[in-house]
Amino acid sequence: MSCFRRPWVICCTVTALLLIIILVTSTTLYFTVFKPKQPKITTQSVTLESFSTNIFDMTDTNVTLGITVEINNPNYGGFKYENSTSYVRYHGEVVAMAPVLADTIPARGEHSVSTSVLVIGRDLITNPSFLFDLASNTLNFTSTTTLKGKAVVMKVFKKKATTISTCDISLHILGKNSTSDCSSKVEF
């Protein structure tokens, strides 16, 4: 009876050891190499695409800005996201919205996202802080974008993820330039 039992014990022991090695290796890789890292977002350019105003009613002013943002993904997994909308706030009030079309950000790569932002002049000009900020030559905006999609690692593992990006944008009127400070957070 021991002749038949011995190969089974050896087989079960080797199988258990292999499973433990695979489990330890997978856990170590997940918490070191594959650990999700926050993407870096940089505003590449902000351009004036169009400007329209009504001479008799200054609140009937609309500005369209072209914005290009570069996303640097340091993760070993790509991110495929759905259509979304980016909101631009001025002192807490939404003054602009921009569509963000569905796309994929490659693993360990950079990706540029371009969109047009229509700034609604009425909401901006009627804000109580507008004249003070205009006199100080700087308009401060906050842009928030929520992208929902899937993180894909090695084209095998897929996990739902949400990325929340916030950018503080300072538009310097006389200098005709802007500065931005962006942060992002990935939630699984």
N, C-alpha and C. Protein backbone atom coordinates (compact mmCIF):
# COMPACT_ATOMS: atom_id res chain seq x y z
N MET A 1 0.81 -1.19 0.00
CA MET A 1 0.00 0.00 0.00
C MET A 1 0.86 1.25 0.00
N SER A 2 2.04 1.19 0.65
CA SER A 2 2.91 2.35 0.70
C SER A 2 3.52 2.66 -0.67
N CYS A 3 3.63 1.67 -1.55
CA CYS A 3 4.15 1.90 -2.90
C CYS A 3 3.22 2.79 -3.71
N PHE A 4 1.92 2.64 -3.49
CA PHE A 4 0.96 3.47 -4.23
C PHE A 4 0.78 4.85 -3.59
N ARG A 5 1.02 4.92 -2.31
CA ARG A 5 0.81 6.18 -1.60
C ARG A 5 1.97 7.15 -1.78
N ARG A 6 3.16 6.64 -1.87
CA ARG A 6 4.35 7.49 -1.95
C ARG A 6 4.34 8.44 -3.16
N PRO A 7 4.03 7.99 -4.39
CA PRO A 7 3.99 8.92 -5.53
C PRO A 7 2.94 10.02 -5.35
N TRP A 8 1.80 9.68 -4.72
CA TRP A 8 0.76 10.69 -4.48
C TRP A 8 1.25 11.75 -3.51
N VAL A 9 1.96 11.36 -2.49
CA VAL A 9 2.49 12.32 -1.51
C VAL A 9 3.51 13.24 -2.18
N ILE A 10 4.38 12.67 -2.99
CA ILE A 10 5.39 13.47 -3.71
C ILE A 10 4.69 14.43 -4.68
N CYS A 11 3.72 13.94 -5.42
CA CYS A 11 2.99 14.78 -6.38
C CYS A 11 2.26 15.92 -5.67
N CYS A 12 1.58 15.63 -4.58
CA CYS A 12 0.85 16.67 -3.83
C CYS A 12 1.82 17.69 -3.22
N THR A 13 2.95 17.24 -2.72
CA THR A 13 3.94 18.15 -2.12
C THR A 13 4.52 19.08 -3.18
N VAL A 14 4.90 18.54 -4.32
CA VAL A 14 5.46 19.35 -5.41
C VAL A 14 4.41 20.35 -5.91
N THR A 15 3.17 19.91 -6.07
CA THR A 15 2.10 20.79 -6.52
C THR A 15 1.86 21.92 -5.51
N ALA A 16 1.83 21.58 -4.23
CA ALA A 16 1.62 22.59 -3.18
C ALA A 16 2.77 23.60 -3.18
N LEU A 17 4.01 23.12 -3.32
CA LEU A 17 5.16 24.03 -3.36
C LEU A 17 5.10 24.95 -4.58
N LEU A 18 4.73 24.41 -5.73
CA LEU A 18 4.60 25.25 -6.93
C LEU A 18 3.52 26.31 -6.76
N LEU A 19 2.39 25.93 -6.18
CA LEU A 19 1.31 26.90 -5.95
C LEU A 19 1.75 28.00 -4.98
N ILE A 20 2.48 27.63 -3.94
CA ILE A 20 2.98 28.63 -2.98
C ILE A 20 3.97 29.57 -3.66
N ILE A 21 4.87 29.03 -4.48
CA ILE A 21 5.85 29.86 -5.20
C ILE A 21 5.13 30.82 -6.15
N ILE A 22 4.14 30.32 -6.89
CA ILE A 22 3.39 31.18 -7.82
C ILE A 22 2.63 32.26 -7.05
N LEU A 23 2.02 31.91 -5.94
CA LEU A 23 1.27 32.88 -5.13
C LEU A 23 2.19 33.96 -4.56
N VAL A 24 3.33 33.56 -4.02
CA VAL A 24 4.28 34.53 -3.45
C VAL A 24 4.84 35.43 -4.56
N THR A 25 5.18 34.85 -5.70
CA THR A 25 5.70 35.64 -6.82
C THR A 25 4.65 36.63 -7.33
N SER A 26 3.42 36.17 -7.49
CA SER A 26 2.35 37.06 -7.97
C SER A 26 2.09 38.19 -6.99
N THR A 27 2.05 37.89 -5.71
CA THR A 27 1.82 38.93 -4.70
C THR A 27 2.96 39.94 -4.69
N THR A 28 4.19 39.45 -4.77
CA THR A 28 5.34 40.35 -4.79
C THR A 28 5.31 41.25 -6.02
N LEU A 29 5.04 40.68 -7.19
CA LEU A 29 4.96 41.49 -8.41
C LEU A 29 3.84 42.52 -8.32
N TYR A 30 2.68 42.13 -7.77
CA TYR A 30 1.56 43.06 -7.69
C TYR A 30 1.91 44.26 -6.81
N PHE A 31 2.55 44.02 -5.68
CA PHE A 31 2.84 45.12 -4.76
C PHE A 31 4.12 45.88 -5.09
N THR A 32 4.88 45.43 -6.09
CA THR A 32 6.09 46.17 -6.47
C THR A 32 5.97 46.69 -7.91
N VAL A 33 6.09 45.82 -8.87
CA VAL A 33 6.13 46.24 -10.27
C VAL A 33 4.76 46.70 -10.77
N PHE A 34 3.71 45.92 -10.49
CA PHE A 34 2.39 46.23 -11.03
C PHE A 34 1.55 47.12 -10.13
N LYS A 35 2.12 47.63 -9.05
CA LYS A 35 1.38 48.51 -8.15
C LYS A 35 0.92 49.75 -8.92
N PRO A 36 -0.39 50.06 -8.86
CA PRO A 36 -0.88 51.23 -9.61
C PRO A 36 -0.24 52.53 -9.13
N LYS A 37 0.24 53.31 -10.09
CA LYS A 37 0.85 54.61 -9.79
C LYS A 37 -0.02 55.70 -10.40
N GLN A 38 0.05 56.89 -9.83
CA GLN A 38 -0.76 58.00 -10.31
C GLN A 38 -0.17 58.55 -11.62
N PRO A 39 -1.02 58.78 -12.62
CA PRO A 39 -0.52 59.37 -13.87
C PRO A 39 -0.15 60.84 -13.66
N LYS A 40 0.76 61.32 -14.50
CA LYS A 40 1.16 62.73 -14.44
C LYS A 40 0.49 63.46 -15.60
N ILE A 41 -0.15 64.58 -15.29
CA ILE A 41 -0.89 65.34 -16.29
C ILE A 41 -0.26 66.71 -16.44
N THR A 42 0.03 67.09 -17.69
CA THR A 42 0.65 68.38 -17.98
C THR A 42 -0.15 69.08 -19.07
N THR A 43 -0.46 70.36 -18.84
CA THR A 43 -1.12 71.15 -19.88
C THR A 43 -0.06 71.59 -20.88
N GLN A 44 -0.21 71.16 -22.14
CA GLN A 44 0.76 71.50 -23.17
C GLN A 44 0.50 72.86 -23.78
N SER A 45 -0.78 73.14 -24.10
CA SER A 45 -1.08 74.43 -24.70
C SER A 45 -2.53 74.81 -24.47
N VAL A 46 -2.74 76.12 -24.38
CA VAL A 46 -4.08 76.69 -24.32
C VAL A 46 -4.11 77.78 -25.38
N THR A 47 -4.97 77.62 -26.39
CA THR A 47 -5.03 78.60 -27.48
C THR A 47 -6.44 79.17 -27.60
N LEU A 48 -6.53 80.39 -28.07
CA LEU A 48 -7.81 81.05 -28.31
C LEU A 48 -8.29 80.65 -29.70
N GLU A 49 -9.39 79.88 -29.76
CA GLU A 49 -9.92 79.44 -31.06
C GLU A 49 -10.94 80.42 -31.62
N SER A 50 -11.80 80.94 -30.75
CA SER A 50 -12.77 81.93 -31.23
C SER A 50 -13.22 82.82 -30.07
N PHE A 51 -13.67 84.00 -30.44
CA PHE A 51 -14.14 84.98 -29.47
C PHE A 51 -15.31 85.71 -30.10
N SER A 52 -16.45 85.71 -29.42
CA SER A 52 -17.61 86.44 -29.94
C SER A 52 -18.24 87.24 -28.82
N THR A 53 -18.66 88.43 -29.15
CA THR A 53 -19.28 89.29 -28.15
C THR A 53 -20.35 90.15 -28.80
N ASN A 54 -21.24 90.63 -27.96
CA ASN A 54 -22.29 91.55 -28.38
C ASN A 54 -21.92 92.90 -27.78
N ILE A 55 -21.70 93.90 -28.61
CA ILE A 55 -21.26 95.22 -28.14
C ILE A 55 -22.27 95.82 -27.16
N PHE A 56 -23.54 95.55 -27.37
CA PHE A 56 -24.59 96.15 -26.53
C PHE A 56 -24.82 95.37 -25.24
N ASP A 57 -24.37 94.12 -25.18
CA ASP A 57 -24.57 93.30 -23.98
C ASP A 57 -23.30 92.47 -23.75
N MET A 58 -22.43 92.97 -22.88
CA MET A 58 -21.14 92.31 -22.65
C MET A 58 -21.29 90.92 -22.01
N THR A 59 -22.45 90.66 -21.38
CA THR A 59 -22.64 89.33 -20.81
C THR A 59 -22.89 88.29 -21.89
N ASP A 60 -23.14 88.74 -23.13
CA ASP A 60 -23.32 87.84 -24.26
C ASP A 60 -21.97 87.63 -24.95
N THR A 61 -21.00 87.19 -24.18
CA THR A 61 -19.64 86.96 -24.68
C THR A 61 -19.30 85.49 -24.51
N ASN A 62 -18.78 84.88 -25.54
CA ASN A 62 -18.36 83.49 -25.47
C ASN A 62 -16.95 83.36 -26.03
N VAL A 63 -16.17 82.53 -25.37
CA VAL A 63 -14.78 82.30 -25.76
C VAL A 63 -14.58 80.80 -25.91
N THR A 64 -13.97 80.39 -27.01
CA THR A 64 -13.64 78.98 -27.21
C THR A 64 -12.12 78.83 -27.13
N LEU A 65 -11.69 77.98 -26.20
CA LEU A 65 -10.26 77.72 -26.01
C LEU A 65 -9.92 76.32 -26.48
N GLY A 66 -8.79 76.18 -27.14
CA GLY A 66 -8.28 74.87 -27.51
C GLY A 66 -7.26 74.45 -26.47
N ILE A 67 -7.47 73.28 -25.88
CA ILE A 67 -6.58 72.82 -24.81
C ILE A 67 -6.00 71.47 -25.19
N THR A 68 -4.69 71.34 -25.03
CA THR A 68 -4.01 70.06 -25.23
C THR A 68 -3.34 69.68 -23.92
N VAL A 69 -3.67 68.48 -23.46
CA VAL A 69 -3.14 67.97 -22.20
C VAL A 69 -2.36 66.70 -22.49
N GLU A 70 -1.20 66.55 -21.88
CA GLU A 70 -0.41 65.33 -22.05
C GLU A 70 -0.49 64.50 -20.78
N ILE A 71 -0.77 63.21 -20.95
CA ILE A 71 -0.89 62.29 -19.83
C ILE A 71 0.26 61.30 -19.91
N ASN A 72 1.04 61.21 -18.85
CA ASN A 72 2.15 60.27 -18.76
C ASN A 72 1.71 59.14 -17.84
N ASN A 73 1.56 57.94 -18.40
CA ASN A 73 1.11 56.78 -17.64
C ASN A 73 2.31 55.92 -17.25
N PRO A 74 2.72 55.92 -15.96
CA PRO A 74 3.88 55.13 -15.54
C PRO A 74 3.54 53.67 -15.24
N ASN A 75 2.30 53.27 -15.40
CA ASN A 75 1.86 51.92 -15.03
C ASN A 75 2.16 50.90 -16.12
N TYR A 76 2.19 49.63 -15.72
CA TYR A 76 2.41 48.53 -16.65
C TYR A 76 1.10 48.12 -17.33
N GLY A 77 0.02 48.82 -17.03
CA GLY A 77 -1.27 48.54 -17.65
C GLY A 77 -1.78 49.77 -18.37
N GLY A 78 -2.44 49.56 -19.49
CA GLY A 78 -3.06 50.65 -20.22
C GLY A 78 -4.40 51.00 -19.59
N PHE A 79 -4.98 52.11 -20.02
CA PHE A 79 -6.27 52.55 -19.49
C PHE A 79 -7.16 52.94 -20.66
N LYS A 80 -8.27 52.22 -20.81
CA LYS A 80 -9.23 52.50 -21.88
C LYS A 80 -10.44 53.15 -21.22
N TYR A 81 -10.71 54.41 -21.62
CA TYR A 81 -11.79 55.14 -20.96
C TYR A 81 -12.92 55.49 -21.93
N GLU A 82 -14.08 55.76 -21.34
CA GLU A 82 -15.30 56.08 -22.09
C GLU A 82 -15.39 57.58 -22.33
N ASN A 83 -16.36 58.00 -23.15
CA ASN A 83 -16.63 59.43 -23.35
C ASN A 83 -16.95 60.07 -22.00
N SER A 84 -16.49 61.29 -21.83
CA SER A 84 -16.71 61.99 -20.57
C SER A 84 -16.81 63.49 -20.83
N THR A 85 -16.97 64.25 -19.76
CA THR A 85 -17.03 65.70 -19.86
C THR A 85 -16.11 66.29 -18.80
N SER A 86 -15.37 67.30 -19.20
CA SER A 86 -14.51 68.03 -18.28
C SER A 86 -15.22 69.33 -17.92
N TYR A 87 -15.20 69.68 -16.64
CA TYR A 87 -15.86 70.89 -16.17
C TYR A 87 -14.82 71.90 -15.70
N VAL A 88 -15.01 73.15 -16.10
CA VAL A 88 -14.12 74.23 -15.67
C VAL A 88 -14.93 75.14 -14.75
N ARG A 89 -14.39 75.36 -13.54
CA ARG A 89 -15.08 76.18 -12.55
C ARG A 89 -14.29 77.46 -12.30
N TYR A 90 -15.04 78.52 -12.05
CA TYR A 90 -14.45 79.80 -11.68
C TYR A 90 -15.08 80.19 -10.34
N HIS A 91 -14.28 80.17 -9.30
CA HIS A 91 -14.75 80.41 -7.93
C HIS A 91 -15.96 79.53 -7.60
N GLY A 92 -15.86 78.25 -7.94
CA GLY A 92 -16.88 77.27 -7.59
C GLY A 92 -18.05 77.17 -8.54
N GLU A 93 -18.16 78.05 -9.51
CA GLU A 93 -19.28 78.06 -10.45
C GLU A 93 -18.82 77.54 -11.81
N VAL A 94 -19.57 76.60 -12.38
CA VAL A 94 -19.22 76.03 -13.69
C VAL A 94 -19.38 77.10 -14.77
N VAL A 95 -18.27 77.39 -15.47
CA VAL A 95 -18.30 78.39 -16.54
C VAL A 95 -17.97 77.78 -17.90
N ALA A 96 -17.56 76.52 -17.91
CA ALA A 96 -17.21 75.88 -19.19
C ALA A 96 -17.30 74.37 -19.06
N MET A 97 -17.59 73.74 -20.19
CA MET A 97 -17.61 72.29 -20.28
C MET A 97 -16.90 71.89 -21.56
N ALA A 98 -16.24 70.74 -21.50
CA ALA A 98 -15.53 70.26 -22.69
C ALA A 98 -15.73 68.76 -22.82
N PRO A 99 -16.05 68.30 -24.02
CA PRO A 99 -16.17 66.86 -24.22
C PRO A 99 -14.79 66.20 -24.25
N VAL A 100 -14.71 65.02 -23.65
CA VAL A 100 -13.48 64.22 -23.71
C VAL A 100 -13.89 62.91 -24.38
N LEU A 101 -13.39 62.69 -25.60
CA LEU A 101 -13.78 61.52 -26.37
C LEU A 101 -13.07 60.26 -25.88
N ALA A 102 -13.75 59.13 -25.99
CA ALA A 102 -13.20 57.84 -25.57
C ALA A 102 -11.88 57.57 -26.27
N ASP A 103 -10.94 56.99 -25.53
CA ASP A 103 -9.62 56.71 -26.10
C ASP A 103 -8.90 55.73 -25.18
N THR A 104 -7.66 55.41 -25.53
CA THR A 104 -6.84 54.51 -24.73
C THR A 104 -5.51 55.16 -24.44
N ILE A 105 -5.09 55.09 -23.18
CA ILE A 105 -3.77 55.58 -22.78
C ILE A 105 -2.88 54.35 -22.67
N PRO A 106 -1.80 54.28 -23.45
CA PRO A 106 -0.98 53.07 -23.46
C PRO A 106 -0.20 52.87 -22.16
N ALA A 107 0.14 51.62 -21.90
CA ALA A 107 0.95 51.29 -20.73
C ALA A 107 2.33 51.90 -20.86
N ARG A 108 2.81 52.49 -19.77
CA ARG A 108 4.14 53.10 -19.71
C ARG A 108 4.41 54.02 -20.90
N GLY A 109 3.41 54.83 -21.23
CA GLY A 109 3.57 55.72 -22.37
C GLY A 109 2.94 57.07 -22.13
N GLU A 110 3.05 57.92 -23.14
CA GLU A 110 2.47 59.26 -23.08
C GLU A 110 1.37 59.35 -24.12
N HIS A 111 0.37 60.17 -23.80
CA HIS A 111 -0.78 60.31 -24.68
C HIS A 111 -1.28 61.75 -24.60
N SER A 112 -1.52 62.36 -25.75
CA SER A 112 -2.04 63.72 -25.79
C SER A 112 -3.55 63.70 -26.01
N VAL A 113 -4.25 64.53 -25.25
CA VAL A 113 -5.69 64.67 -25.39
C VAL A 113 -5.98 66.13 -25.72
N SER A 114 -6.66 66.36 -26.84
CA SER A 114 -7.00 67.72 -27.25
C SER A 114 -8.52 67.87 -27.25
N THR A 115 -8.98 69.05 -26.83
CA THR A 115 -10.41 69.33 -26.83
C THR A 115 -10.63 70.83 -26.91
N SER A 116 -11.85 71.20 -27.24
CA SER A 116 -12.24 72.61 -27.27
C SER A 116 -13.14 72.90 -26.08
N VAL A 117 -12.87 74.00 -25.41
CA VAL A 117 -13.63 74.39 -24.24
C VAL A 117 -14.39 75.67 -24.56
N LEU A 118 -15.71 75.61 -24.43
CA LEU A 118 -16.54 76.80 -24.64
C LEU A 118 -16.79 77.46 -23.29
N VAL A 119 -16.18 78.63 -23.09
CA VAL A 119 -16.35 79.39 -21.85
C VAL A 119 -17.58 80.28 -22.03
N ILE A 120 -18.55 80.11 -21.16
CA ILE A 120 -19.78 80.89 -21.23
C ILE A 120 -19.55 82.21 -20.52
N GLY A 121 -19.46 83.28 -21.32
CA GLY A 121 -19.11 84.60 -20.80
C GLY A 121 -20.04 85.12 -19.73
N ARG A 122 -21.33 84.87 -19.88
CA ARG A 122 -22.31 85.38 -18.91
C ARG A 122 -21.99 84.87 -17.50
N ASP A 123 -21.70 83.57 -17.39
CA ASP A 123 -21.41 83.00 -16.07
C ASP A 123 -20.10 83.54 -15.50
N LEU A 124 -19.16 83.84 -16.36
CA LEU A 124 -17.87 84.36 -15.92
C LEU A 124 -17.96 85.83 -15.53
N ILE A 125 -18.54 86.65 -16.39
CA ILE A 125 -18.58 88.09 -16.17
C ILE A 125 -19.48 88.47 -14.99
N THR A 126 -20.55 87.73 -14.77
CA THR A 126 -21.47 88.07 -13.68
C THR A 126 -21.00 87.55 -12.32
N ASN A 127 -19.89 86.84 -12.29
CA ASN A 127 -19.34 86.38 -11.01
C ASN A 127 -18.80 87.58 -10.23
N PRO A 128 -19.11 87.69 -8.93
CA PRO A 128 -18.67 88.85 -8.14
C PRO A 128 -17.15 89.02 -8.08
N SER A 129 -16.39 87.97 -8.28
CA SER A 129 -14.93 88.05 -8.20
C SER A 129 -14.28 88.45 -9.51
N PHE A 130 -15.04 88.50 -10.59
CA PHE A 130 -14.47 88.70 -11.92
C PHE A 130 -13.71 90.02 -12.04
N LEU A 131 -14.31 91.13 -11.64
CA LEU A 131 -13.65 92.44 -11.81
C LEU A 131 -12.38 92.54 -10.97
N PHE A 132 -12.41 92.00 -9.76
CA PHE A 132 -11.21 92.01 -8.91
C PHE A 132 -10.09 91.20 -9.55
N ASP A 133 -10.42 90.01 -10.05
CA ASP A 133 -9.42 89.17 -10.70
C ASP A 133 -8.92 89.79 -12.01
N LEU A 134 -9.81 90.44 -12.73
CA LEU A 134 -9.42 91.11 -13.97
C LEU A 134 -8.43 92.24 -13.68
N ALA A 135 -8.67 92.98 -12.60
CA ALA A 135 -7.76 94.06 -12.20
C ALA A 135 -6.40 93.51 -11.76
N SER A 136 -6.40 92.30 -11.20
CA SER A 136 -5.13 91.70 -10.76
C SER A 136 -4.42 90.98 -11.90
N ASN A 137 -5.01 90.96 -13.10
CA ASN A 137 -4.41 90.41 -14.31
C ASN A 137 -4.36 88.87 -14.33
N THR A 138 -5.07 88.21 -13.41
CA THR A 138 -5.04 86.75 -13.38
C THR A 138 -6.43 86.20 -13.10
N LEU A 139 -6.87 85.29 -13.95
CA LEU A 139 -8.13 84.58 -13.72
C LEU A 139 -7.78 83.16 -13.31
N ASN A 140 -8.29 82.73 -12.17
CA ASN A 140 -7.99 81.39 -11.65
C ASN A 140 -9.18 80.46 -11.87
N PHE A 141 -8.91 79.35 -12.54
CA PHE A 141 -9.93 78.36 -12.83
C PHE A 141 -9.53 77.02 -12.21
N THR A 142 -10.52 76.16 -12.02
CA THR A 142 -10.27 74.79 -11.59
C THR A 142 -10.98 73.87 -12.57
N SER A 143 -10.23 72.95 -13.15
CA SER A 143 -10.79 72.00 -14.10
C SER A 143 -10.83 70.62 -13.44
N THR A 144 -11.97 69.94 -13.56
CA THR A 144 -12.09 68.59 -13.03
C THR A 144 -12.60 67.66 -14.14
N THR A 145 -11.98 66.51 -14.22
CA THR A 145 -12.37 65.51 -15.21
C THR A 145 -12.41 64.15 -14.54
N THR A 146 -13.49 63.43 -14.74
CA THR A 146 -13.62 62.08 -14.22
C THR A 146 -13.72 61.14 -15.42
N LEU A 147 -12.77 60.22 -15.52
CA LEU A 147 -12.77 59.25 -16.62
C LEU A 147 -13.03 57.86 -16.04
N LYS A 148 -14.05 57.20 -16.57
CA LYS A 148 -14.36 55.84 -16.15
C LYS A 148 -13.97 54.89 -17.27
N GLY A 149 -13.36 53.79 -16.89
CA GLY A 149 -12.94 52.84 -17.90
C GLY A 149 -12.37 51.58 -17.30
N LYS A 150 -11.46 50.95 -18.05
CA LYS A 150 -10.85 49.70 -17.61
C LYS A 150 -9.34 49.81 -17.70
N ALA A 151 -8.68 49.34 -16.64
CA ALA A 151 -7.23 49.21 -16.67
C ALA A 151 -6.93 47.81 -17.19
N VAL A 152 -6.05 47.72 -18.18
CA VAL A 152 -5.74 46.44 -18.81
C VAL A 152 -4.25 46.16 -18.63
N VAL A 153 -3.94 45.05 -17.94
CA VAL A 153 -2.55 44.67 -17.70
C VAL A 153 -2.24 43.43 -18.52
N MET A 154 -1.22 43.54 -19.36
CA MET A 154 -0.74 42.44 -20.20
C MET A 154 -1.85 41.86 -21.08
N LYS A 155 -2.82 42.65 -21.45
CA LYS A 155 -3.94 42.27 -22.32
C LYS A 155 -4.72 41.07 -21.79
N VAL A 156 -4.55 40.75 -20.52
CA VAL A 156 -5.22 39.61 -19.93
C VAL A 156 -6.10 40.05 -18.76
N PHE A 157 -5.51 40.79 -17.83
CA PHE A 157 -6.22 41.20 -16.63
C PHE A 157 -6.89 42.54 -16.86
N LYS A 158 -8.20 42.59 -16.63
CA LYS A 158 -8.96 43.83 -16.82
C LYS A 158 -9.67 44.16 -15.51
N LYS A 159 -9.57 45.43 -15.12
CA LYS A 159 -10.19 45.86 -13.88
C LYS A 159 -10.81 47.23 -14.09
N LYS A 160 -12.04 47.41 -13.61
CA LYS A 160 -12.69 48.72 -13.73
C LYS A 160 -11.94 49.73 -12.89
N ALA A 161 -11.78 50.91 -13.46
CA ALA A 161 -11.04 51.97 -12.76
C ALA A 161 -11.67 53.32 -13.09
N THR A 162 -11.48 54.25 -12.17
CA THR A 162 -11.93 55.63 -12.37
C THR A 162 -10.76 56.54 -12.07
N THR A 163 -10.52 57.47 -12.95
CA THR A 163 -9.45 58.44 -12.76
C THR A 163 -10.08 59.81 -12.55
N ILE A 164 -9.69 60.49 -11.50
CA ILE A 164 -10.20 61.83 -11.21
C ILE A 164 -9.02 62.80 -11.30
N SER A 165 -9.12 63.74 -12.23
CA SER A 165 -8.05 64.71 -12.45
C SER A 165 -8.54 66.11 -12.10
N THR A 166 -7.70 66.84 -11.39
CA THR A 166 -8.02 68.22 -11.02
C THR A 166 -6.85 69.10 -11.41
N CYS A 167 -7.13 70.18 -12.11
CA CYS A 167 -6.09 71.13 -12.51
C CYS A 167 -6.47 72.52 -12.03
N ASP A 168 -5.53 73.18 -11.37
CA ASP A 168 -5.68 74.59 -11.02
C ASP A 168 -4.99 75.38 -12.12
N ILE A 169 -5.75 76.18 -12.84
CA ILE A 169 -5.24 76.91 -14.00
C ILE A 169 -5.29 78.41 -13.71
N SER A 170 -4.17 79.07 -13.91
CA SER A 170 -4.11 80.53 -13.78
C SER A 170 -3.89 81.11 -15.17
N LEU A 171 -4.84 81.91 -15.62
CA LEU A 171 -4.78 82.54 -16.94
C LEU A 171 -4.30 83.97 -16.74
N HIS A 172 -3.08 84.26 -17.23
CA HIS A 172 -2.48 85.59 -17.09
C HIS A 172 -2.87 86.41 -18.32
N ILE A 173 -3.70 87.41 -18.11
CA ILE A 173 -4.34 88.13 -19.21
C ILE A 173 -3.35 88.92 -20.05
N LEU A 174 -2.56 89.78 -19.43
CA LEU A 174 -1.63 90.62 -20.20
C LEU A 174 -0.51 89.80 -20.84
N GLY A 175 -0.05 88.79 -20.14
CA GLY A 175 1.01 87.93 -20.68
C GLY A 175 0.51 86.95 -21.72
N LYS A 176 -0.82 86.82 -21.84
CA LYS A 176 -1.45 85.90 -22.78
C LYS A 176 -0.90 84.48 -22.66
N ASN A 177 -0.71 84.06 -21.41
CA ASN A 177 -0.26 82.70 -21.17
C ASN A 177 -0.97 82.14 -19.95
N SER A 178 -0.69 80.90 -19.66
CA SER A 178 -1.34 80.27 -18.51
C SER A 178 -0.36 79.33 -17.83
N THR A 179 -0.62 79.09 -16.55
CA THR A 179 0.14 78.10 -15.79
C THR A 179 -0.88 77.15 -15.18
N SER A 180 -0.46 75.92 -14.99
CA SER A 180 -1.39 74.96 -14.40
C SER A 180 -0.65 74.01 -13.48
N ASP A 181 -1.37 73.53 -12.49
CA ASP A 181 -0.86 72.54 -11.55
C ASP A 181 -1.92 71.45 -11.47
N CYS A 182 -1.58 70.27 -11.95
CA CYS A 182 -2.57 69.19 -12.04
C CYS A 182 -2.23 68.04 -11.10
N SER A 183 -3.26 67.40 -10.61
CA SER A 183 -3.08 66.19 -9.81
C SER A 183 -4.16 65.20 -10.24
N SER A 184 -3.87 63.94 -10.05
CA SER A 184 -4.84 62.93 -10.43
C SER A 184 -4.83 61.79 -9.44
N LYS A 185 -5.93 61.06 -9.42
CA LYS A 185 -6.07 59.96 -8.49
C LYS A 185 -6.79 58.83 -9.23
N VAL A 186 -6.29 57.62 -9.08
CA VAL A 186 -6.91 56.46 -9.71
C VAL A 186 -7.60 55.64 -8.63
N GLU A 187 -8.87 55.31 -8.86
CA GLU A 187 -9.62 54.48 -7.93
C GLU A 187 -10.03 53.19 -8.62
N PHE A 188 -9.86 52.08 -7.92
CA PHE A 188 -10.23 50.77 -8.47
C PHE A 188 -11.45 50.25 -7.75
